[in-house]
């Protein structure tokens, strides 16, 4: 049986969030909550420190981002929301020195992609409405498609 395409589920979730949330910070907070279980407020720092939780299990990421685990959606979303809270430099430092994600590893590469994603969303150089397409083009493996009927994960609320 084929692995679930978690990256496609991530894209579908982003589409749902983009349809209801225009604020970059609220968009990233909702992504963290719905894709990695990162709560808002101070509890979110605890969630980030413990790595969040896998909401979408599966694969579907480009080879350079695939660490052979089913947790890359959580990783991407957690780094994106950490970037919104801590900024890109501290997020990168924490990923390398606390998370032990070497920059040249799949997790290190995904960290950089998530930092770029969040930084571009926050600066509005990547509109929230364009976020799903960016993830599909940059992060997901070729041939990734949305799951039938959209994401089966949490709602955009």
Protein backbone atom coordinates (compact mmCIF):
# COMPACT_ATOMS: atom_id res chain seq x y z
CA UNK A 1 0.00 0.00 0.00
CA UNK A 2 1.31 3.44 -0.92
CA UNK A 3 2.37 5.90 1.76
CA UNK A 4 -0.15 8.70 2.35
CA UNK A 5 0.79 11.90 0.52
CA UNK A 6 1.15 14.14 3.56
CA UNK A 7 2.58 17.00 1.48
CA UNK A 8 -0.61 17.04 -0.59
CA UNK A 9 -2.61 17.16 2.65
CA UNK A 10 -0.46 20.10 3.74
CA UNK A 11 -1.27 21.92 0.48
CA UNK A 12 -4.98 21.24 0.94
CA UNK A 13 -4.81 22.54 4.52
CA UNK A 14 -3.02 25.69 3.32
CA UNK A 15 -5.73 26.24 0.72
CA UNK A 16 -8.40 26.04 3.39
CA UNK A 17 -6.52 28.37 5.71
CA UNK A 18 -5.80 30.87 2.93
CA UNK A 19 -9.50 31.03 2.10
CA UNK A 20 -10.36 32.24 5.60
CA UNK A 21 -7.23 33.87 6.99
CA UNK A 22 -5.53 36.86 5.36
CA UNK A 23 -3.30 37.98 8.25
CA UNK A 24 0.17 36.46 7.79
CA UNK A 25 0.70 35.91 11.54
CA UNK A 26 -2.72 34.36 12.10
CA UNK A 27 -2.26 32.23 8.97
CA UNK A 28 1.05 30.84 10.29
CA UNK A 29 -0.40 30.35 13.79
CA UNK A 30 -3.31 28.39 12.30
CA UNK A 31 -0.86 26.32 10.24
CA UNK A 32 1.13 25.50 13.37
CA UNK A 33 -2.01 24.58 15.29
CA UNK A 34 -3.60 22.44 12.59
CA UNK A 35 -0.54 20.77 11.10
CA UNK A 36 1.64 20.35 14.20
CA UNK A 37 -0.58 20.77 17.26
CA UNK A 38 1.11 24.01 18.33
CA UNK A 39 -1.26 25.94 20.56
CA UNK A 40 -1.49 29.74 20.57
CA UNK A 41 0.13 31.85 23.26
CA UNK A 42 2.71 30.73 25.83
CA UNK A 43 1.58 27.09 25.58
CA UNK A 44 2.81 27.19 21.99
CA UNK A 45 6.38 27.71 23.19
CA UNK A 46 6.09 24.49 25.19
CA UNK A 47 4.66 22.73 22.13
CA UNK A 48 7.54 24.01 20.00
CA UNK A 49 10.04 22.87 22.63
CA UNK A 50 8.59 19.36 22.64
CA UNK A 51 8.34 19.19 18.85
CA UNK A 52 4.56 19.42 18.47
CA UNK A 53 2.68 16.38 17.23
CA UNK A 54 2.13 14.65 13.91
CA UNK A 55 -1.31 15.57 12.61
CA UNK A 56 -0.65 14.39 9.05
CA UNK A 57 1.46 11.27 8.74
CA UNK A 58 2.99 10.26 5.47
CA UNK A 59 5.44 11.33 2.85
CA UNK A 60 5.25 13.17 -0.46
CA UNK A 61 8.14 15.61 -0.03
CA UNK A 62 10.92 16.17 -2.57
CA UNK A 63 13.91 13.91 -1.98
CA UNK A 64 16.07 16.65 -0.51
CA UNK A 65 13.42 17.19 2.22
CA UNK A 66 12.57 13.51 2.83
CA UNK A 67 14.18 12.10 5.97
CA UNK A 68 12.39 8.74 5.62
CA UNK A 69 9.95 9.53 8.44
CA UNK A 70 6.27 10.42 8.44
CA UNK A 71 6.77 13.70 10.35
CA UNK A 72 7.84 16.22 7.74
CA UNK A 73 4.54 18.15 7.76
CA UNK A 74 4.97 18.68 11.51
CA UNK A 75 8.57 19.75 10.97
CA UNK A 76 7.68 22.24 8.22
CA UNK A 77 4.75 23.74 10.14
CA UNK A 78 6.68 23.90 13.41
CA UNK A 79 9.60 25.71 11.82
CA UNK A 80 7.25 28.11 10.03
CA UNK A 81 5.45 29.07 13.24
CA UNK A 82 8.75 29.22 15.16
CA UNK A 83 9.99 31.70 12.57
CA UNK A 84 6.92 33.86 13.19
CA UNK A 85 7.53 33.77 16.95
CA UNK A 86 11.33 33.69 17.27
CA UNK A 87 12.50 35.11 13.95
CA UNK A 88 14.57 33.32 11.32
CA UNK A 89 18.00 33.55 12.98
CA UNK A 90 16.95 32.12 16.36
CA UNK A 91 14.79 29.49 14.67
CA UNK A 92 17.73 28.36 12.52
CA UNK A 93 20.10 28.36 15.52
CA UNK A 94 17.62 26.35 17.59
CA UNK A 95 17.08 23.84 14.79
CA UNK A 96 20.81 23.22 14.45
CA UNK A 97 21.94 23.41 18.08
CA UNK A 98 18.91 22.08 19.95
CA UNK A 99 17.17 19.97 17.31
CA UNK A 100 20.50 18.67 15.97
CA UNK A 101 19.29 19.16 12.38
CA UNK A 102 22.47 19.57 10.35
CA UNK A 103 22.02 22.15 7.56
CA UNK A 104 22.91 19.63 4.83
CA UNK A 105 20.46 16.98 6.11
CA UNK A 106 16.89 16.53 4.87
CA UNK A 107 15.60 18.16 8.07
CA UNK A 108 18.09 21.00 7.69
CA UNK A 109 16.97 21.58 4.10
CA UNK A 110 13.30 21.50 5.17
CA UNK A 111 14.10 23.94 7.98
CA UNK A 112 15.52 26.38 5.45
CA UNK A 113 12.49 26.00 3.17
CA UNK A 114 10.09 26.59 6.10
CA UNK A 115 12.07 29.64 7.25
CA UNK A 116 11.97 31.06 3.72
CA UNK A 117 8.24 30.31 3.48
CA UNK A 118 7.41 31.99 6.79
CA UNK A 119 9.71 34.95 6.17
CA UNK A 120 8.13 35.55 2.77
CA UNK A 121 4.60 35.20 4.20
CA UNK A 122 5.40 37.63 7.03
CA UNK A 123 6.96 40.19 4.68
CA UNK A 124 4.00 39.76 2.32
CA UNK A 125 6.35 39.04 -0.58
CA UNK A 126 4.47 35.72 -0.73
CA UNK A 127 0.76 36.44 -0.39
CA UNK A 128 -1.17 34.10 1.89
CA UNK A 129 -3.32 33.14 -1.11
CA UNK A 130 -0.18 31.96 -2.97
CA UNK A 131 1.15 29.85 -0.08
CA UNK A 132 -0.37 26.53 -1.22
CA UNK A 133 1.15 26.85 -4.70
CA UNK A 134 4.55 27.76 -3.27
CA UNK A 135 4.57 24.67 -1.04
CA UNK A 136 3.38 22.46 -3.89
CA UNK A 137 6.10 23.78 -6.22
CA UNK A 138 8.99 24.06 -3.76
CA UNK A 139 8.48 21.36 -1.14
CA UNK A 140 6.24 18.60 -2.50
CA UNK A 141 7.50 15.82 -4.71
CA UNK A 142 6.57 15.86 -8.37
CA UNK A 143 3.12 14.51 -8.96
CA UNK A 144 1.76 15.58 -5.59
CA UNK A 145 -1.92 16.28 -5.83
CA UNK A 146 -4.51 17.35 -3.34
CA UNK A 147 -6.33 14.52 -1.63
CA UNK A 148 -9.83 13.88 -3.01
CA UNK A 149 -12.31 16.18 -1.30
CA UNK A 150 -9.52 18.33 0.15
CA UNK A 151 -7.76 17.78 3.42
CA UNK A 152 -9.18 15.20 5.78
CA UNK A 153 -7.38 16.90 8.61
CA UNK A 154 -8.55 19.66 10.95
CA UNK A 155 -10.80 22.42 9.71
CA UNK A 156 -9.64 25.95 8.99
CA UNK A 157 -11.26 27.19 12.21
